Amino acid sequence: MGNSPHAPISYASRRRLARWLVGSPLRDIEQDLVLETLVNTRGNRTASARLLGVSVRTLRNKINEYAARGVDVPRYETRDDVLNRDGIRATPAGNPIGVADAPIGTPELTA
C-alpha cells in the first residue's frame, strides 16, 4: 500500500470492508480488485502491478486468465485515446486544441 495514490486506509476501515466481503469467493474479490486497479490506472499494467504489489508477469497472467473466461479487461489508454474519448481534438503534436486556439470566426467563438 506504500505506492497507493490514495490516503492510507485505517486498520478499522479495512476490517469493516472485510466484514462486507465475508462469504465472497477470494477469486472474485481478487478479480474485482485487479480490474478496478486497471481502470484506475487507465489500463497501465506496470502501474497496476506496482499498486497491487505483484510482478507485471503475474498481472499479465491474471489478465489472460480473466480474458479466457470472457471477462472484459480494461485496455491501456494513451493520452490521445482519453482526449478522443472525451471529445477533445488534438493537434498532430498531441496537444489539445482549445477555444483559444480556434481560428477567428469559428462557431466556438461566435456564440
PDB file of N, CA and C in Angstrom:
ATOM      1  N   MET A   1       0.810  -1.193   0.000  1.00  0.00           N
ATOM      2  CA  MET A   1       0.000   0.000   0.000  1.00  0.00           C
ATOM      3  C   MET A   1       0.852   1.254   0.000  1.00  0.00           C
ATOM      4  N   GLY A   2       2.142   1.121   0.053  1.00  0.00           N
ATOM      5  CA  GLY A   2       3.020   2.263   0.120  1.00  0.00           C
ATOM      6  C   GLY A   2       2.986   3.142  -1.116  1.00  0.00           C
ATOM      7  N   ASN A   3       2.651   2.586  -2.289  1.00  0.00           N
ATOM      8  CA  ASN A   3       2.628   3.364  -3.521  1.00  0.00           C
ATOM      9  C   ASN A   3       1.232   3.830  -3.901  1.00  0.00           C
ATOM     10  N   SER A   4       0.260   3.646  -3.030  1.00  0.00           N
ATOM     11  CA  SER A   4      -1.114   3.992  -3.348  1.00  0.00           C
ATOM     12  C   SER A   4      -1.278   5.502  -3.474  1.00  0.00           C
ATOM     13  N   PRO A   5      -2.021   5.971  -4.502  1.00  0.00           N
ATOM     14  CA  PRO A   5      -2.253   7.400  -4.653  1.00  0.00           C
ATOM     15  C   PRO A   5      -3.305   7.915  -3.671  1.00  0.00           C
ATOM     16  N   HIS A   6      -3.937   7.020  -2.964  1.00  0.00           N
ATOM     17  CA  HIS A   6      -4.994   7.391  -2.039  1.00  0.00           C
ATOM     18  C   HIS A   6      -4.440   7.510  -0.627  1.00  0.00           C
ATOM     19  N   ALA A   7      -5.211   8.178   0.230  1.00  0.00           N
ATOM     20  CA  ALA A   7      -4.831   8.268   1.638  1.00  0.00           C
ATOM     21  C   ALA A   7      -4.818   6.862   2.217  1.00  0.00           C
ATOM     22  N   PRO A   8      -3.898   6.602   3.150  1.00  0.00           N
ATOM     23  CA  PRO A   8      -3.840   5.253   3.739  1.00  0.00           C
ATOM     24  C   PRO A   8      -5.172   4.915   4.417  1.00  0.00           C
ATOM     25  N   ILE A   9      -5.592   3.674   4.244  1.00  0.00           N
ATOM     26  CA  ILE A   9      -6.836   3.225   4.865  1.00  0.00           C
ATOM     27  C   ILE A   9      -6.498   2.667   6.247  1.00  0.00           C
ATOM     28  N   SER A  10      -7.307   3.011   7.212  1.00  0.00           N
ATOM     29  CA  SER A  10      -7.034   2.585   8.580  1.00  0.00           C
ATOM     30  C   SER A  10      -7.322   1.094   8.745  1.00  0.00           C
ATOM     31  N   TYR A  11      -6.761   0.533   9.782  1.00  0.00           N
ATOM     32  CA  TYR A  11      -6.996  -0.870  10.103  1.00  0.00           C
ATOM     33  C   TYR A  11      -8.487  -1.108  10.318  1.00  0.00           C
ATOM     34  N   ALA A  12      -9.144  -0.207  11.044  1.00  0.00           N
ATOM     35  CA  ALA A  12     -10.575  -0.362  11.330  1.00  0.00           C
ATOM     36  C   ALA A  12     -11.399  -0.330  10.033  1.00  0.00           C
ATOM     37  N   SER A  13     -11.028   0.539   9.117  1.00  0.00           N
ATOM     38  CA  SER A  13     -11.750   0.612   7.843  1.00  0.00           C
ATOM     39  C   SER A  13     -11.559  -0.656   7.026  1.00  0.00           C
ATOM     40  N   ARG A  14     -10.329  -1.194   7.024  1.00  0.00           N
ATOM     41  CA  ARG A  14     -10.090  -2.450   6.308  1.00  0.00           C
ATOM     42  C   ARG A  14     -10.910  -3.579   6.913  1.00  0.00           C
ATOM     43  N   ARG A  15     -11.027  -3.596   8.228  1.00  0.00           N
ATOM     44  CA  ARG A  15     -11.817  -4.644   8.899  1.00  0.00           C
ATOM     45  C   ARG A  15     -13.288  -4.521   8.530  1.00  0.00           C
ATOM     46  N   ARG A  16     -13.825  -3.278   8.491  1.00  0.00           N
ATOM     47  CA  ARG A  16     -15.231  -3.087   8.098  1.00  0.00           C
ATOM     48  C   ARG A  16     -15.449  -3.563   6.667  1.00  0.00           C
ATOM     49  N   LEU A  17     -14.518  -3.240   5.777  1.00  0.00           N
ATOM     50  CA  LEU A  17     -14.617  -3.690   4.395  1.00  0.00           C
ATOM     51  C   LEU A  17     -14.580  -5.220   4.332  1.00  0.00           C
ATOM     52  N   ALA A  18     -13.687  -5.806   5.094  1.00  0.00           N
ATOM     53  CA  ALA A  18     -13.560  -7.267   5.098  1.00  0.00           C
ATOM     54  C   ALA A  18     -14.861  -7.921   5.563  1.00  0.00           C
ATOM     55  N   ARG A  19     -15.552  -7.309   6.544  1.00  0.00           N
ATOM     56  CA  ARG A  19     -16.823  -7.874   7.011  1.00  0.00           C
ATOM     57  C   ARG A  19     -17.853  -7.909   5.890  1.00  0.00           C
ATOM     58  N   TRP A  20     -17.850  -6.890   5.016  1.00  0.00           N
ATOM     59  CA  TRP A  20     -18.777  -6.859   3.881  1.00  0.00           C
ATOM     60  C   TRP A  20     -18.460  -7.960   2.882  1.00  0.00           C
ATOM     61  N   LEU A  21     -17.202  -8.332   2.807  1.00  0.00           N
ATOM     62  CA  LEU A  21     -16.759  -9.300   1.804  1.00  0.00           C
ATOM     63  C   LEU A  21     -16.828 -10.743   2.275  1.00  0.00           C
ATOM     64  N   VAL A  22     -17.096 -10.960   3.557  1.00  0.00           N
ATOM     65  CA  VAL A  22     -17.176 -12.327   4.074  1.00  0.00           C
ATOM     66  C   VAL A  22     -18.235 -13.087   3.290  1.00  0.00           C
ATOM     67  N   GLY A  23     -17.856 -14.277   2.833  1.00  0.00           N
ATOM     68  CA  GLY A  23     -18.756 -15.110   2.060  1.00  0.00           C
ATOM     69  C   GLY A  23     -18.524 -14.992   0.556  1.00  0.00           C
ATOM     70  N   SER A  24     -17.764 -13.969   0.148  1.00  0.00           N
ATOM     71  CA  SER A  24     -17.439 -13.817  -1.280  1.00  0.00           C
ATOM     72  C   SER A  24     -16.208 -14.656  -1.588  1.00  0.00           C
ATOM     73  N   PRO A  25     -16.210 -15.336  -2.716  1.00  0.00           N
ATOM     74  CA  PRO A  25     -15.026 -16.117  -3.075  1.00  0.00           C
ATOM     75  C   PRO A  25     -13.804 -15.211  -3.260  1.00  0.00           C
ATOM     76  N   LEU A  26     -12.688 -15.630  -2.723  1.00  0.00           N
ATOM     77  CA  LEU A  26     -11.449 -14.860  -2.826  1.00  0.00           C
ATOM     78  C   LEU A  26     -11.092 -14.586  -4.284  1.00  0.00           C
ATOM     79  N   ARG A  27     -11.371 -15.556  -5.143  1.00  0.00           N
ATOM     80  CA  ARG A  27     -11.091 -15.402  -6.578  1.00  0.00           C
ATOM     81  C   ARG A  27     -11.846 -14.203  -7.149  1.00  0.00           C
ATOM     82  N   ASP A  28     -13.104 -14.031  -6.746  1.00  0.00           N
ATOM     83  CA  ASP A  28     -13.915 -12.908  -7.226  1.00  0.00           C
ATOM     84  C   ASP A  28     -13.402 -11.575  -6.674  1.00  0.00           C
ATOM     85  N   ILE A  29     -13.044 -11.566  -5.403  1.00  0.00           N
ATOM     86  CA  ILE A  29     -12.538 -10.346  -4.781  1.00  0.00           C
ATOM     87  C   ILE A  29     -11.232  -9.926  -5.441  1.00  0.00           C
ATOM     88  N   GLU A  30     -10.342 -10.888  -5.677  1.00  0.00           N
ATOM     89  CA  GLU A  30      -9.076 -10.593  -6.335  1.00  0.00           C
ATOM     90  C   GLU A  30      -9.321 -10.046  -7.740  1.00  0.00           C
ATOM     91  N   GLN A  31     -10.216 -10.683  -8.489  1.00  0.00           N
ATOM     92  CA  GLN A  31     -10.505 -10.236  -9.845  1.00  0.00           C
ATOM     93  C   GLN A  31     -11.047  -8.810  -9.836  1.00  0.00           C
ATOM     94  N   ASP A  32     -11.988  -8.522  -8.947  1.00  0.00           N
ATOM     95  CA  ASP A  32     -12.546  -7.172  -8.861  1.00  0.00           C
ATOM     96  C   ASP A  32     -11.464  -6.144  -8.532  1.00  0.00           C
ATOM     97  N   LEU A  33     -10.577  -6.476  -7.608  1.00  0.00           N
ATOM     98  CA  LEU A  33      -9.508  -5.560  -7.221  1.00  0.00           C
ATOM     99  C   LEU A  33      -8.546  -5.323  -8.383  1.00  0.00           C
ATOM    100  N   VAL A  34      -8.200  -6.367  -9.099  1.00  0.00           N
ATOM    101  CA  VAL A  34      -7.302  -6.233 -10.263  1.00  0.00           C
ATOM    102  C   VAL A  34      -7.959  -5.363 -11.322  1.00  0.00           C
ATOM    103  N   LEU A  35      -9.219  -5.638 -11.644  1.00  0.00           N
ATOM    104  CA  LEU A  35      -9.903  -4.884 -12.691  1.00  0.00           C
ATOM    105  C   LEU A  35     -10.094  -3.422 -12.302  1.00  0.00           C
ATOM    106  N   GLU A  36     -10.451  -3.150 -11.067  1.00  0.00           N
ATOM    107  CA  GLU A  36     -10.625  -1.761 -10.622  1.00  0.00           C
ATOM    108  C   GLU A  36      -9.291  -1.013 -10.629  1.00  0.00           C
ATOM    109  N   THR A  37      -8.217  -1.712 -10.292  1.00  0.00           N
ATOM    110  CA  THR A  37      -6.894  -1.089 -10.338  1.00  0.00           C
ATOM    111  C   THR A  37      -6.521  -0.757 -11.775  1.00  0.00           C
ATOM    112  N   LEU A  38      -6.813  -1.651 -12.714  1.00  0.00           N
ATOM    113  CA  LEU A  38      -6.558  -1.367 -14.125  1.00  0.00           C
ATOM    114  C   LEU A  38      -7.378  -0.170 -14.606  1.00  0.00           C
ATOM    115  N   VAL A  39      -8.625  -0.086 -14.192  1.00  0.00           N
ATOM    116  CA  VAL A  39      -9.452   1.070 -14.555  1.00  0.00           C
ATOM    117  C   VAL A  39      -8.824   2.343 -14.000  1.00  0.00           C
ATOM    118  N   ASN A  40      -8.409   2.290 -12.738  1.00  0.00           N
ATOM    119  CA  ASN A  40      -7.824   3.448 -12.059  1.00  0.00           C
ATOM    120  C   ASN A  40      -6.550   3.935 -12.736  1.00  0.00           C
ATOM    121  N   THR A  41      -5.786   3.019 -13.308  1.00  0.00           N
ATOM    122  CA  THR A  41      -4.524   3.385 -13.964  1.00  0.00           C
ATOM    123  C   THR A  41      -4.692   3.504 -15.476  1.00  0.00           C
ATOM    124  N   ARG A  42      -5.933   3.514 -15.958  1.00  0.00           N
ATOM    125  CA  ARG A  42      -6.245   3.584 -17.390  1.00  0.00           C
ATOM    126  C   ARG A  42      -5.576   2.462 -18.162  1.00  0.00           C
ATOM    127  N   GLY A  43      -5.545   1.276 -17.549  1.00  0.00           N
ATOM    128  CA  GLY A  43      -5.012   0.094 -18.219  1.00  0.00           C
ATOM    129  C   GLY A  43      -3.503  -0.043 -18.171  1.00  0.00           C
ATOM    130  N   ASN A  44      -2.821   0.820 -17.438  1.00  0.00           N
ATOM    131  CA  ASN A  44      -1.364   0.754 -17.352  1.00  0.00           C
ATOM    132  C   ASN A  44      -0.979  -0.430 -16.463  1.00  0.00           C
ATOM    133  N   ARG A  45      -0.465  -1.470 -17.092  1.00  0.00           N
ATOM    134  CA  ARG A  45      -0.165  -2.711 -16.366  1.00  0.00           C
ATOM    135  C   ARG A  45       0.992  -2.548 -15.390  1.00  0.00           C
ATOM    136  N   THR A  46       1.986  -1.767 -15.754  1.00  0.00           N
ATOM    137  CA  THR A  46       3.130  -1.568 -14.848  1.00  0.00           C
ATOM    138  C   THR A  46       2.681  -0.855 -13.587  1.00  0.00           C
ATOM    139  N   ALA A  47       1.911   0.220 -13.748  1.00  0.00           N
ATOM    140  CA  ALA A  47       1.420   0.961 -12.583  1.00  0.00           C
ATOM    141  C   ALA A  47       0.469   0.092 -11.753  1.00  0.00           C
ATOM    142  N   SER A  48      -0.383  -0.680 -12.434  1.00  0.00           N
ATOM    143  CA  SER A  48      -1.316  -1.550 -11.712  1.00  0.00           C
ATOM    144  C   SER A  48      -0.576  -2.608 -10.908  1.00  0.00           C
ATOM    145  N   ALA A  49       0.420  -3.230 -11.526  1.00  0.00           N
ATOM    146  CA  ALA A  49       1.198  -4.255 -10.817  1.00  0.00           C
ATOM    147  C   ALA A  49       1.871  -3.659  -9.589  1.00  0.00           C
ATOM    148  N   ARG A  50       2.417  -2.465  -9.740  1.00  0.00           N
ATOM    149  CA  ARG A  50       3.079  -1.803  -8.609  1.00  0.00           C
ATOM    150  C   ARG A  50       2.090  -1.545  -7.481  1.00  0.00           C
ATOM    151  N   LEU A  51       0.897  -1.026  -7.820  1.00  0.00           N
ATOM    152  CA  LEU A  51      -0.116  -0.756  -6.792  1.00  0.00           C
ATOM    153  C   LEU A  51      -0.596  -2.028  -6.105  1.00  0.00           C
ATOM    154  N   LEU A  52      -0.688  -3.114  -6.869  1.00  0.00           N
ATOM    155  CA  LEU A  52      -1.169  -4.383  -6.321  1.00  0.00           C
ATOM    156  C   LEU A  52      -0.086  -5.171  -5.597  1.00  0.00           C
ATOM    157  N   GLY A  53       1.168  -4.761  -5.797  1.00  0.00           N
ATOM    158  CA  GLY A  53       2.266  -5.468  -5.138  1.00  0.00           C
ATOM    159  C   GLY A  53       2.590  -6.804  -5.778  1.00  0.00           C
ATOM    160  N   VAL A  54       2.377  -6.902  -7.095  1.00  0.00           N
ATOM    161  CA  VAL A  54       2.702  -8.133  -7.823  1.00  0.00           C
ATOM    162  C   VAL A  54       3.603  -7.762  -9.001  1.00  0.00           C
ATOM    163  N   SER A  55       4.199  -8.771  -9.605  1.00  0.00           N
ATOM    164  CA  SER A  55       5.021  -8.519 -10.784  1.00  0.00           C
ATOM    165  C   SER A  55       4.133  -8.277 -11.996  1.00  0.00           C
ATOM    166  N   VAL A  56       4.687  -7.628 -13.005  1.00  0.00           N
ATOM    167  CA  VAL A  56       3.949  -7.402 -14.249  1.00  0.00           C
ATOM    168  C   VAL A  56       3.588  -8.746 -14.871  1.00  0.00           C
ATOM    169  N   ARG A  57       4.473  -9.724 -14.767  1.00  0.00           N
ATOM    170  CA  ARG A  57       4.200 -11.053 -15.318  1.00  0.00           C
ATOM    171  C   ARG A  57       2.992 -11.688 -14.628  1.00  0.00           C
ATOM    172  N   THR A  58       2.939 -11.598 -13.295  1.00  0.00           N
ATOM    173  CA  THR A  58       1.799 -12.146 -12.555  1.00  0.00           C
ATOM    174  C   THR A  58       0.511 -11.461 -12.969  1.00  0.00           C
ATOM    175  N   LEU A  59       0.562 -10.139 -13.102  1.00  0.00           N
ATOM    176  CA  LEU A  59      -0.620  -9.403 -13.524  1.00  0.00           C
ATOM    177  C   LEU A  59      -1.040  -9.816 -14.930  1.00  0.00           C
ATOM    178  N   ARG A  60      -0.075  -9.943 -15.830  1.00  0.00           N
ATOM    179  CA  ARG A  60      -0.378 -10.362 -17.205  1.00  0.00           C
ATOM    180  C   ARG A  60      -1.052 -11.737 -17.205  1.00  0.00           C
ATOM    181  N   ASN A  61      -0.551 -12.657 -16.386  1.00  0.00           N
ATOM    182  CA  ASN A  61      -1.151 -13.991 -16.305  1.00  0.00           C
ATOM    183  C   ASN A  61      -2.588 -13.924 -15.805  1.00  0.00           C
ATOM    184  N   LYS A  62      -2.845 -13.062 -14.826  1.00  0.00           N
ATOM    185  CA  LYS A  62      -4.211 -12.910 -14.313  1.00  0.00           C
ATOM    186  C   LYS A  62      -5.118 -12.310 -15.384  1.00  0.00           C
ATOM    187  N   ILE A  63      -4.617 -11.308 -16.102  1.00  0.00           N
ATOM    188  CA  ILE A  63      -5.393 -10.691 -17.178  1.00  0.00           C
ATOM    189  C   ILE A  63      -5.736 -11.729 -18.241  1.00  0.00           C
ATOM    190  N   ASN A  64      -4.764 -12.551 -18.624  1.00  0.00           N
ATOM    191  CA  ASN A  64      -5.011 -13.609 -19.614  1.00  0.00           C
ATOM    192  C   ASN A  64      -6.051 -14.605 -19.110  1.00  0.00           C
ATOM    193  N   GLU A  65      -5.976 -14.933 -17.834  1.00  0.00           N
ATOM    194  CA  GLU A  65      -6.955 -15.852 -17.237  1.00  0.00           C
ATOM    195  C   GLU A  65      -8.357 -15.251 -17.286  1.00  0.00           C
ATOM    196  N   TYR A  66      -8.475 -13.976 -16.925  1.00  0.00           N
ATOM    197  CA  TYR A  66      -9.783 -13.317 -16.943  1.00  0.00           C
ATOM    198  C   TYR A  66     -10.328 -13.248 -18.369  1.00  0.00           C
ATOM    199  N   ALA A  67      -9.478 -12.873 -19.311  1.00  0.00           N
ATOM    200  CA  ALA A  67      -9.903 -12.766 -20.711  1.00  0.00           C
ATOM    201  C   ALA A  67     -10.371 -14.117 -21.244  1.00  0.00           C
ATOM    202  N   ALA A  68      -9.683 -15.196 -20.847  1.00  0.00           N
ATOM    203  CA  ALA A  68     -10.066 -16.539 -21.295  1.00  0.00           C
ATOM    204  C   ALA A  68     -11.446 -16.924 -20.759  1.00  0.00           C
ATOM    205  N   ARG A  69     -11.826 -16.356 -19.615  1.00  0.00           N
ATOM    206  CA  ARG A  69     -13.154 -16.610 -19.039  1.00  0.00           C
ATOM    207  C   ARG A  69     -14.203 -15.652 -19.589  1.00  0.00           C
ATOM    208  N   GLY A  70     -13.796 -14.774 -20.508  1.00  0.00           N
ATOM    209  CA  GLY A  70     -14.745 -13.856 -21.126  1.00  0.00           C
ATOM    210  C   GLY A  70     -14.943 -12.551 -20.378  1.00  0.00           C
ATOM    211  N   VAL A  71     -14.065 -12.262 -19.423  1.00  0.00           N
ATOM    212  CA  VAL A  71     -14.160 -11.017 -18.659  1.00  0.00           C
ATOM    213  C   VAL A  71     -13.608  -9.871 -19.508  1.00  0.00           C
ATOM    214  N   ASP A  72     -14.300  -8.740 -19.497  1.00  0.00           N
ATOM    215  CA  ASP A  72     -13.852  -7.556 -20.217  1.00  0.00           C
ATOM    216  C   ASP A  72     -12.755  -6.871 -19.396  1.00  0.00           C
ATOM    217  N   VAL A  73     -11.528  -6.918 -19.890  1.00  0.00           N
ATOM    218  CA  VAL A  73     -10.377  -6.359 -19.180  1.00  0.00           C
ATOM    219  C   VAL A  73     -10.061  -4.982 -19.762  1.00  0.00           C
ATOM    220  N   PRO A  74      -9.942  -3.951 -18.902  1.00  0.00           N
ATOM    221  CA  PRO A  74      -9.631  -2.609 -19.409  1.00  0.00           C
ATOM    222  C   PRO A  74      -8.324  -2.592 -20.197  1.00  0.00           C
ATOM    223  N   ARG A  75      -8.367  -1.960 -21.364  1.00  0.00           N
ATOM    224  CA  ARG A  75      -7.174  -1.818 -22.198  1.00  0.00           C
ATOM    225  C   ARG A  75      -6.423  -0.561 -21.788  1.00  0.00           C
ATOM    226  N   TYR A  76      -5.150  -0.525 -22.158  1.00  0.00           N
ATOM    227  CA  TYR A  76      -4.326   0.652 -21.905  1.00  0.00           C
ATOM    228  C   TYR A  76      -4.834   1.815 -22.745  1.00  0.00           C
ATOM    229  N   GLU A  77      -4.990   2.978 -22.136  1.00  0.00           N
ATOM    230  CA  GLU A  77      -5.434   4.161 -22.852  1.00  0.00           C
ATOM    231  C   GLU A  77      -4.287   5.162 -22.939  1.00  0.00           C
ATOM    232  N   THR A  78      -3.954   5.551 -24.153  1.00  0.00           N
ATOM    233  CA  THR A  78      -2.953   6.598 -24.330  1.00  0.00           C
ATOM    234  C   THR A  78      -3.611   7.941 -24.056  1.00  0.00           C
ATOM    235  N   ARG A  79      -2.812   8.979 -23.959  1.00  0.00           N
ATOM    236  CA  ARG A  79      -3.337  10.327 -23.748  1.00  0.00           C
ATOM    237  C   ARG A  79      -4.285  10.698 -24.891  1.00  0.00           C
ATOM    238  N   ASP A  80      -3.909  10.363 -26.116  1.00  0.00           N
ATOM    239  CA  ASP A  80      -4.765  10.659 -27.268  1.00  0.00           C
ATOM    240  C   ASP A  80      -6.088   9.895 -27.186  1.00  0.00           C
ATOM    241  N   ASP A  81      -6.057   8.642 -26.695  1.00  0.00           N
ATOM    242  CA  ASP A  81      -7.293   7.873 -26.526  1.00  0.00           C
ATOM    243  C   ASP A  81      -8.236   8.592 -25.571  1.00  0.00           C
ATOM    244  N   VAL A  82      -7.689   9.102 -24.464  1.00  0.00           N
ATOM    245  CA  VAL A  82      -8.501   9.794 -23.461  1.00  0.00           C
ATOM    246  C   VAL A  82      -9.082  11.067 -24.056  1.00  0.00           C
ATOM    247  N   LEU A  83      -8.251  11.842 -24.772  1.00  0.00           N
ATOM    248  CA  LEU A  83      -8.740  13.080 -25.384  1.00  0.00           C
ATOM    249  C   LEU A  83      -9.829  12.793 -26.407  1.00  0.00           C
ATOM    250  N   ASN A  84      -9.626  11.778 -27.235  1.00  0.00           N
ATOM    251  CA  ASN A  84     -10.624  11.423 -28.244  1.00  0.00           C
ATOM    252  C   ASN A  84     -11.909  10.926 -27.601  1.00  0.00           C
ATOM    253  N   ARG A  85     -11.777  10.138 -26.539  1.00  0.00           N
ATOM    254  CA  ARG A  85     -12.954   9.613 -25.846  1.00  0.00           C
ATOM    255  C   ARG A  85     -13.774  10.755 -25.246  1.00  0.00           C
ATOM    256  N   ASP A  86     -13.081  11.773 -24.743  1.00  0.00           N
ATOM    257  CA  ASP A  86     -13.755  12.900 -24.105  1.00  0.00           C
ATOM    258  C   ASP A  86     -14.192  13.966 -25.110  1.00  0.00           C
ATOM    259  N   GLY A  87     -13.989  13.697 -26.409  1.00  0.00           N
ATOM    260  CA  GLY A  87     -14.434  14.625 -27.431  1.00  0.00           C
ATOM    261  C   GLY A  87     -13.532  15.827 -27.620  1.00  0.00           C
ATOM    262  N   ILE A  88     -12.288  15.713 -27.217  1.00  0.00           N
ATOM    263  CA  ILE A  88     -11.333  16.809 -27.366  1.00  0.00           C
ATOM    264  C   ILE A  88     -10.410  16.475 -28.521  1.00  0.00           C
ATOM    265  N   ARG A  89     -10.368  17.352 -29.524  1.00  0.00           N
ATOM    266  CA  ARG A  89      -9.456  17.128 -30.642  1.00  0.00           C
ATOM    267  C   ARG A  89      -8.041  17.399 -30.166  1.00  0.00           C
ATOM    268  N   ALA A  90      -7.097  16.784 -30.828  1.00  0.00           N
ATOM    269  CA  ALA A  90      -5.695  17.003 -30.503  1.00  0.00           C
ATOM    270  C   ALA A  90      -4.955  17.437 -31.759  1.00  0.00           C
ATOM    271  N   THR A  91      -3.920  18.245 -31.555  1.00  0.00           N
ATOM    272  CA  THR A  91      -3.074  18.665 -32.663  1.00  0.00           C
ATOM    273  C   THR A  91      -2.194  17.496 -33.071  1.00  0.00           C
ATOM    274  N   PRO A  92      -1.525  17.559 -34.229  1.00  0.00           N
ATOM    275  CA  PRO A  92      -0.622  16.467 -34.607  1.00  0.00           C
ATOM    276  C   PRO A  92       0.447  16.196 -33.554  1.00  0.00           C
ATOM    277  N   ALA A  93       0.809  17.212 -32.775  1.00  0.00           N
ATOM    278  CA  ALA A  93       1.808  17.022 -31.721  1.00  0.00           C
ATOM    279  C   ALA A  93       1.197  16.382 -30.483  1.00  0.00           C
ATOM    280  N   GLY A  94      -0.137  16.195 -30.490  1.00  0.00           N
ATOM    281  CA  GLY A  94      -0.794  15.559 -29.353  1.00  0.00           C
ATOM    282  C   GLY A  94      -1.345  16.542 -28.347  1.00  0.00           C
ATOM    283  N   ASN A  95      -1.195  17.858 -28.581  1.00  0.00           N
ATOM    284  CA  ASN A  95      -1.710  18.845 -27.644  1.00  0.00           C
ATOM    285  C   ASN A  95      -3.174  19.114 -27.935  1.00  0.00           C
ATOM    286  N   PRO A  96      -4.017  19.247 -26.888  1.00  0.00           N
ATOM    287  CA  PRO A  96      -5.428  19.505 -27.133  1.00  0.00           C
ATOM    288  C   PRO A  96      -5.631  20.879 -27.763  1.00  0.00           C
ATOM    289  N   ILE A  97      -6.644  20.979 -28.606  1.00  0.00           N
ATOM    290  CA  ILE A  97      -6.993  22.257 -29.213  1.00  0.00           C
ATOM    291  C   ILE A  97      -8.118  22.848 -28.387  1.00  0.00           C
ATOM    292  N   GLY A  98      -7.883  23.997 -27.821  1.00  0.00           N
ATOM    293  CA  GLY A  98      -8.898  24.672 -27.031  1.00  0.00           C
ATOM    294  C   GLY A  98      -9.554  25.773 -27.832  1.00  0.00           C
ATOM    295  N   VAL A  99     -10.538  26.437 -27.230  1.00  0.00           N
ATOM    296  CA  VAL A  99     -11.239  27.524 -27.901  1.00  0.00           C
ATOM    297  C   VAL A  99     -10.263  28.631 -28.261  1.00  0.00           C
ATOM    298  N   ALA A 100      -9.297  28.907 -27.394  1.00  0.00           N
ATOM    299  CA  ALA A 100      -8.336  29.974 -27.661  1.00  0.00           C
ATOM    300  C   ALA A 100      -7.497  29.666 -28.896  1.00  0.00           C
ATOM    301  N   ASP A 101      -7.382  28.394 -29.255  1.00  0.00           N
ATOM    302  CA  ASP A 101      -6.586  28.001 -30.415  1.00  0.00           C
ATOM    303  C   ASP A 101      -7.413  27.987 -31.703  1.00  0.00           C
ATOM    304  N   ALA A 102      -8.724  28.128 -31.600  1.00  0.00           N
ATOM    305  CA  ALA A 102      -9.581  28.030 -32.772  1.00  0.00           C
ATOM    306  C   ALA A 102      -9.420  29.279 -33.635  1.00  0.00           C
ATOM    307  N   PRO A 103      -9.488  29.129 -34.936  1.00  0.00           N
ATOM    308  CA  PRO A 103      -9.391  30.297 -35.822  1.00  0.00           C
ATOM    309  C   PRO A 103     -10.541  31.263 -35.566  1.00  0.00           C
ATOM    310  N   ILE A 104     -10.285  32.545 -35.777  1.00  0.00           N
ATOM    311  CA  ILE A 104     -11.309  33.572 -35.584  1.00  0.00           C
ATOM    312  C   ILE A 104     -12.440  33.317 -36.570  1.00  0.00           C
ATOM    313  N   GLY A 105     -13.682  33.470 -36.088  1.00  0.00           N
ATOM    314  CA  GLY A 105     -14.848  33.284 -36.926  1.00  0.00           C
ATOM    315  C   GLY A 105     -15.412  31.883 -36.879  1.00  0.00           C
ATOM    316  N   THR A 106     -14.812  30.996 -36.069  1.00  0.00           N
ATOM    317  CA  THR A 106     -15.365  29.652 -35.946  1.00  0.00           C
ATOM    318  C   THR A 106     -16.585  29.701 -35.040  1.00  0.00           C
ATOM    319  N   PRO A 107     -17.488  28.737 -35.165  1.00  0.00           N
ATOM    320  CA  PRO A 107     -18.701  28.747 -34.354  1.00  0.00           C
ATOM    321  C   PRO A 107     -18.418  28.783 -32.854  1.00  0.00           C
ATOM    322  N   GLU A 108     -17.286  28.213 -32.423  1.00  0.00           N
ATOM    323  CA  GLU A 108     -16.987  28.205 -30.987  1.00  0.00           C
ATOM    324  C   GLU A 108     -16.813  29.618 -30.450  1.00  0.00           C
ATOM    325  N   LEU A 109     -16.326  30.529 -31.287  1.00  0.00           N
ATOM    326  CA  LEU A 109     -16.043  31.885 -30.830  1.00  0.00           C
ATOM    327  C   LEU A 109     -17.171  32.860 -31.145  1.00  0.00           C
ATOM    328  N   THR A 110     -18.095  32.499 -31.986  1.00  0.00           N
ATOM    329  CA  THR A 110     -19.157  33.407 -32.375  1.00  0.00           C
ATOM    330  C   THR A 110     -20.501  32.915 -31.858  1.00  0.00           C
ATOM    331  N   ALA A 111     -20.583  32.752 -30.559  1.00  0.00           N
ATOM    332  CA  ALA A 111     -21.800  32.216 -29.950  1.00  0.00           C
ATOM    333  C   ALA A 111     -22.899  33.220 -29.892  1.00  0.00           C
TER     334      ALA A 111
END
